[in-house]
Structures are given as C-alpha cells and as structure tokens.
N, C-alpha and C. Protein backbone atom coordinates (compact mmCIF):
# COMPACT_ATOMS: atom_id res chain seq x y z
N MET A 1 71.92 63.15 90.69
CA MET A 1 73.44 63.36 91.37
C MET A 1 73.65 62.96 92.40
N PRO A 2 74.90 62.41 92.80
CA PRO A 2 74.99 61.32 94.00
C PRO A 2 75.69 62.59 95.03
N SER A 3 75.61 62.35 96.28
CA SER A 3 76.34 63.70 97.29
C SER A 3 77.96 63.51 97.28
N LEU A 4 78.57 64.47 97.58
CA LEU A 4 79.93 64.47 97.37
C LEU A 4 80.05 63.07 98.39
N ALA A 5 80.07 62.87 99.52
CA ALA A 5 79.92 61.83 99.96
C ALA A 5 80.19 60.43 99.63
N GLU A 6 79.03 60.27 98.64
CA GLU A 6 78.89 58.54 97.63
C GLU A 6 80.02 59.17 96.62
N GLN A 7 80.26 60.28 96.08
CA GLN A 7 81.48 60.20 95.27
C GLN A 7 82.73 59.98 95.70
N LEU A 8 82.78 60.13 96.90
CA LEU A 8 84.18 60.15 97.29
C LEU A 8 84.23 58.43 97.98
N LEU A 9 83.41 57.89 98.30
CA LEU A 9 82.92 55.95 98.83
C LEU A 9 83.15 55.51 97.05
N GLU A 10 82.70 56.27 95.75
CA GLU A 10 83.44 55.50 94.35
C GLU A 10 84.61 55.49 94.28
N ASP A 11 85.02 56.43 94.63
CA ASP A 11 86.52 56.55 93.83
C ASP A 11 87.83 55.66 94.31
N GLU A 12 88.04 54.78 94.06
CA GLU A 12 88.90 53.49 94.93
C GLU A 12 90.29 54.49 94.58
N THR A 13 90.75 55.63 93.97
CA THR A 13 92.16 55.68 93.71
C THR A 13 92.34 56.40 95.23
N LEU A 14 91.34 57.07 95.78
CA LEU A 14 91.13 57.51 97.02
C LEU A 14 92.34 56.94 97.98
N THR A 15 92.26 55.43 98.33
CA THR A 15 92.82 54.68 99.17
C THR A 15 93.88 53.67 98.72
N GLU A 16 94.29 53.49 97.38
CA GLU A 16 95.03 53.10 96.85
C GLU A 16 96.30 52.54 97.71
N GLY A 17 96.98 51.50 97.59
CA GLY A 17 98.01 51.17 98.72
C GLY A 17 97.31 51.02 100.21
N LEU A 18 96.71 51.65 101.13
CA LEU A 18 96.38 51.18 101.87
C LEU A 18 95.89 50.43 102.89
N ALA A 19 96.27 49.98 103.82
CA ALA A 19 95.13 49.34 104.41
C ALA A 19 94.21 48.93 105.04
N ASP A 20 93.04 48.48 105.14
CA ASP A 20 91.63 48.30 105.32
C ASP A 20 91.25 49.58 106.14
N ASP A 21 92.19 49.11 107.90
CA ASP A 21 91.74 50.37 108.67
C ASP A 21 92.26 51.44 108.06
N GLU A 22 93.38 51.75 107.81
CA GLU A 22 93.70 52.77 107.54
C GLU A 22 93.04 53.84 106.30
N ALA A 23 92.19 52.88 104.83
CA ALA A 23 91.49 53.15 104.21
C ALA A 23 90.37 54.05 104.75
N GLY A 24 89.79 52.86 105.82
CA GLY A 24 88.86 53.83 106.64
C GLY A 24 88.52 54.41 107.16
N ILE A 25 89.80 55.11 108.26
CA ILE A 25 90.17 56.35 108.93
C ILE A 25 89.68 57.61 107.34
N LEU A 26 91.04 57.36 105.97
CA LEU A 26 91.05 58.52 105.51
C LEU A 26 89.61 58.75 105.21
N LEU A 27 88.84 57.41 104.76
CA LEU A 27 87.55 57.57 103.81
C LEU A 27 86.29 58.57 105.00
N GLY A 28 86.43 58.33 106.05
CA GLY A 28 85.63 58.17 107.74
C GLY A 28 85.73 60.24 107.88
N TRP A 29 87.36 60.68 107.17
CA TRP A 29 87.85 61.75 107.45
C TRP A 29 87.09 62.92 106.46
N LEU A 30 87.54 62.30 105.31
CA LEU A 30 87.22 62.82 103.77
C LEU A 30 85.96 63.27 103.71
N ILE A 31 84.82 61.65 104.46
CA ILE A 31 83.30 62.26 104.40
C ILE A 31 82.61 63.04 105.03
N SER A 32 83.05 63.20 106.39
CA SER A 32 83.05 64.09 107.61
C SER A 32 82.82 65.84 106.77
N LEU A 33 84.35 65.69 106.13
CA LEU A 33 84.10 66.70 105.66
C LEU A 33 83.54 67.34 104.08
N ALA A 34 83.42 66.25 103.75
CA ALA A 34 82.15 66.61 102.35
C ALA A 34 80.53 67.21 102.85
N GLU A 35 80.53 66.49 103.95
CA GLU A 35 78.66 66.40 104.49
C GLU A 35 79.07 67.59 105.39
N GLU A 36 80.07 68.35 105.70
CA GLU A 36 80.26 70.04 106.43
C GLU A 36 79.99 71.21 105.51
N ALA A 37 80.31 70.69 103.74
CA ALA A 37 80.36 71.31 103.10
C ALA A 37 79.06 71.15 102.33
N GLU A 38 78.60 70.19 102.24
CA GLU A 38 77.00 70.06 101.41
C GLU A 38 76.56 71.08 100.49
N GLY A 39 76.65 71.42 99.33
CA GLY A 39 76.19 72.31 98.71
C GLY A 39 77.21 73.38 97.72
N GLU A 40 78.51 73.01 98.48
CA GLU A 40 79.54 73.28 97.62
C GLU A 40 79.99 72.98 96.34
N ASP A 41 80.62 73.84 95.54
CA ASP A 41 80.56 73.13 94.03
C ASP A 41 81.86 71.87 94.10
N LEU A 42 81.74 71.54 92.77
CA LEU A 42 82.45 70.37 92.30
C LEU A 42 84.03 70.68 92.58
N ALA A 43 84.59 72.15 92.83
CA ALA A 43 85.84 72.27 92.74
C ALA A 43 86.28 71.46 94.33
N TYR A 44 85.42 72.22 95.67
CA TYR A 44 85.63 71.44 96.92
C TYR A 44 86.04 70.05 97.01
N LEU A 45 85.17 69.37 96.09
CA LEU A 45 85.19 68.05 95.82
C LEU A 45 86.85 67.18 95.22
N GLU A 46 86.93 68.13 94.23
CA GLU A 46 88.45 67.65 93.60
C GLU A 46 89.41 68.00 94.64
N GLN A 47 89.79 68.90 95.43
CA GLN A 47 90.53 69.36 96.62
C GLN A 47 90.30 68.46 97.76
N LEU A 48 89.48 67.62 97.80
CA LEU A 48 89.46 66.69 98.79
C LEU A 48 89.89 65.56 98.13
N ARG A 49 89.52 65.15 97.19
CA ARG A 49 90.01 64.01 96.06
C ARG A 49 91.23 64.14 96.15
N ARG A 50 92.07 65.34 95.53
CA ARG A 50 93.76 65.76 95.49
C ARG A 50 94.37 64.77 96.80
N LEU A 51 93.79 65.86 98.30
CA LEU A 51 94.21 65.69 99.71
C LEU A 51 94.22 64.23 99.60
N GLY A 52 93.23 63.41 99.72
CA GLY A 52 92.77 61.76 99.81
C GLY A 52 94.20 61.14 99.10
N ARG A 53 94.62 61.82 98.12
CA ARG A 53 95.22 60.95 96.97
C ARG A 53 96.67 60.84 97.99
N GLN A 54 97.02 62.11 97.99
CA GLN A 54 98.34 62.70 98.79
C GLN A 54 98.57 62.11 100.10
N ILE A 55 97.29 61.99 100.82
CA ILE A 55 97.38 61.53 102.17
C ILE A 55 97.93 60.22 101.71
N SER A 56 97.25 58.93 101.02
CA SER A 56 97.80 57.88 100.92
C SER A 56 98.90 57.70 100.24
N ARG A 57 99.67 58.26 99.60
CA ARG A 57 100.52 58.33 98.52
C ARG A 57 102.04 58.62 100.11
N ILE A 58 101.59 59.37 100.88
CA ILE A 58 102.64 60.19 101.98
C ILE A 58 102.87 58.96 102.73
N SER A 59 101.63 58.13 103.39
CA SER A 59 101.34 57.19 103.97
C SER A 59 102.36 56.29 103.27
N GLY A 60 101.87 55.84 102.36
CA GLY A 60 102.29 54.14 101.59
C GLY A 60 103.51 54.98 101.63
N LEU A 61 104.29 55.55 101.13
CA LEU A 61 106.00 55.98 100.42
C LEU A 61 106.76 55.84 101.84
N TRP A 62 105.88 56.54 103.25
CA TRP A 62 106.75 56.84 104.37
C TRP A 62 106.43 56.01 105.34
N GLY A 63 105.09 55.29 105.12
CA GLY A 63 104.65 54.56 106.40
C GLY A 63 104.48 55.75 107.74
N VAL A 64 103.80 56.32 107.61
CA VAL A 64 103.50 57.43 107.91
C VAL A 64 101.71 57.21 108.53
N PRO A 65 101.42 56.90 109.04
CA PRO A 65 99.72 56.60 109.82
C PRO A 65 98.41 57.47 109.06
N VAL A 66 97.67 56.96 108.49
CA VAL A 66 97.15 58.27 107.98
C VAL A 66 96.40 58.81 109.32
N GLY A 67 95.97 58.54 110.43
CA GLY A 67 95.26 59.55 111.36
C GLY A 67 96.76 60.43 111.69
N ASP A 68 98.18 60.45 112.00
CA ASP A 68 99.02 61.42 112.34
C ASP A 68 99.38 62.58 111.05
N LEU A 69 98.42 62.02 109.67
CA LEU A 69 98.64 62.91 108.47
C LEU A 69 97.71 63.48 109.10
N ILE A 70 96.31 63.15 108.95
CA ILE A 70 95.15 64.02 109.02
C ILE A 70 95.20 65.10 110.11
N ASP A 71 95.87 64.69 111.63
CA ASP A 71 95.89 65.42 112.59
C ASP A 71 96.90 66.55 112.01
N LEU A 72 97.59 66.16 110.99
CA LEU A 72 98.81 67.30 110.35
C LEU A 72 98.19 68.42 109.69
N VAL A 73 97.74 67.95 109.00
CA VAL A 73 96.56 68.94 107.99
C VAL A 73 95.70 69.68 108.80
N GLU A 74 94.94 68.75 109.75
CA GLU A 74 93.96 69.89 110.77
C GLU A 74 94.73 70.63 111.15
N THR A 75 95.52 71.05 112.33
CA THR A 75 96.59 71.59 112.81
C THR A 75 96.98 73.02 111.97
N ALA A 76 97.42 72.48 110.38
CA ALA A 76 97.78 73.78 109.50
C ALA A 76 96.57 74.34 108.91
N TRP A 77 95.54 73.59 108.92
CA TRP A 77 93.93 74.33 109.14
C TRP A 77 93.79 75.06 110.13
N GLU A 78 93.74 75.41 111.05
CA GLU A 78 93.48 76.02 112.20
C GLU A 78 93.97 77.49 112.46
N GLU A 79 93.16 78.48 112.81
CA GLU A 79 93.76 79.76 112.53
C GLU A 79 94.83 79.70 113.97
N PRO A 80 95.53 80.82 113.06
CA PRO A 80 96.92 81.36 114.61
C PRO A 80 96.37 81.36 115.90
N GLY A 81 96.70 81.14 116.85
CA GLY A 81 96.04 81.34 117.94
C GLY A 81 95.13 80.62 118.49
N GLU A 82 94.60 80.03 117.45
CA GLU A 82 93.51 78.80 117.86
C GLU A 82 93.52 77.90 119.08
N VAL A 83 92.94 77.59 120.13
CA VAL A 83 93.40 77.02 120.40
C VAL A 83 92.36 75.23 120.58
N SER A 84 93.43 74.51 119.95
CA SER A 84 92.91 73.20 119.92
C SER A 84 92.16 72.44 120.41
N SER A 85 90.59 71.91 120.08
CA SER A 85 90.16 70.85 121.18
C SER A 85 90.86 69.50 121.42
N ARG A 86 91.75 69.10 120.85
CA ARG A 86 91.97 68.01 120.53
C ARG A 86 93.47 68.03 121.92
N PRO A 87 93.81 67.15 122.80
CA PRO A 87 94.81 66.85 123.54
C PRO A 87 96.46 66.74 122.61
N PRO A 88 97.33 66.86 122.82
CA PRO A 88 98.66 66.70 121.80
C PRO A 88 98.42 65.60 122.19
N ARG A 89 99.13 64.85 121.11
CA ARG A 89 99.55 63.48 121.13
C ARG A 89 101.32 63.53 120.77
N PRO A 90 101.61 62.53 122.02
CA PRO A 90 103.16 62.14 121.73
C PRO A 90 103.53 61.87 120.23
N MET A 91 105.12 62.44 119.88
CA MET A 91 105.50 61.57 119.15
C MET A 91 106.12 60.44 118.69
N ARG A 92 106.00 59.71 117.72
CA ARG A 92 106.02 58.19 117.18
C ARG A 92 107.39 58.11 116.40
N ALA A 93 108.71 57.88 116.45
CA ALA A 93 109.14 57.44 115.58
C ALA A 93 109.29 56.58 114.39
C-alpha cells in the first residue's frame, strides 16, 4: 500500500487551479504533515485531502497565496498561549 505522502502526490485534485510554485508549496506542506502522522488511519489522509482542496479553492477564488493560507491554518492549530517559532509576517493587501 502506498504511503500517505505517495497518495497525496497522486491526487491531482489537490492542486487544481494552482500555479506550479503554489502547488509545490501546498504539496510540500501536506506531505510533511503526512510524514509526521505516518501510521495514522485513512481518516487522517482524507482530512489532509479536504484541507488541501479547500486551500486550493480559496487561493484560486480570492487570490490569496497558498503560503499565507498555510500560515493561517498553522496559527489556528497552535495551542492557546503557545509562542510561535515563526516571526510575524506583515499583512499584504
């Protein structure tokens, strides 16, 4: 059975409508999450796929860079009161 990362790479719907560089950023992030969770059940893979598709959709509809959407998701995943290791990025219009 293919690994979670391989399954993500084979799913062309994850990056539908994204430029190559944006697609690479999204796939790299999803694969890193999949590698951290190796051994999880298939429900986790489906969550990653849904998340990837929604990031692609929002990026395409609203022109928001994939990297900014990933930062937003990671910020939402942080524990309350947790200090981020990333410096704050300036907002862009």
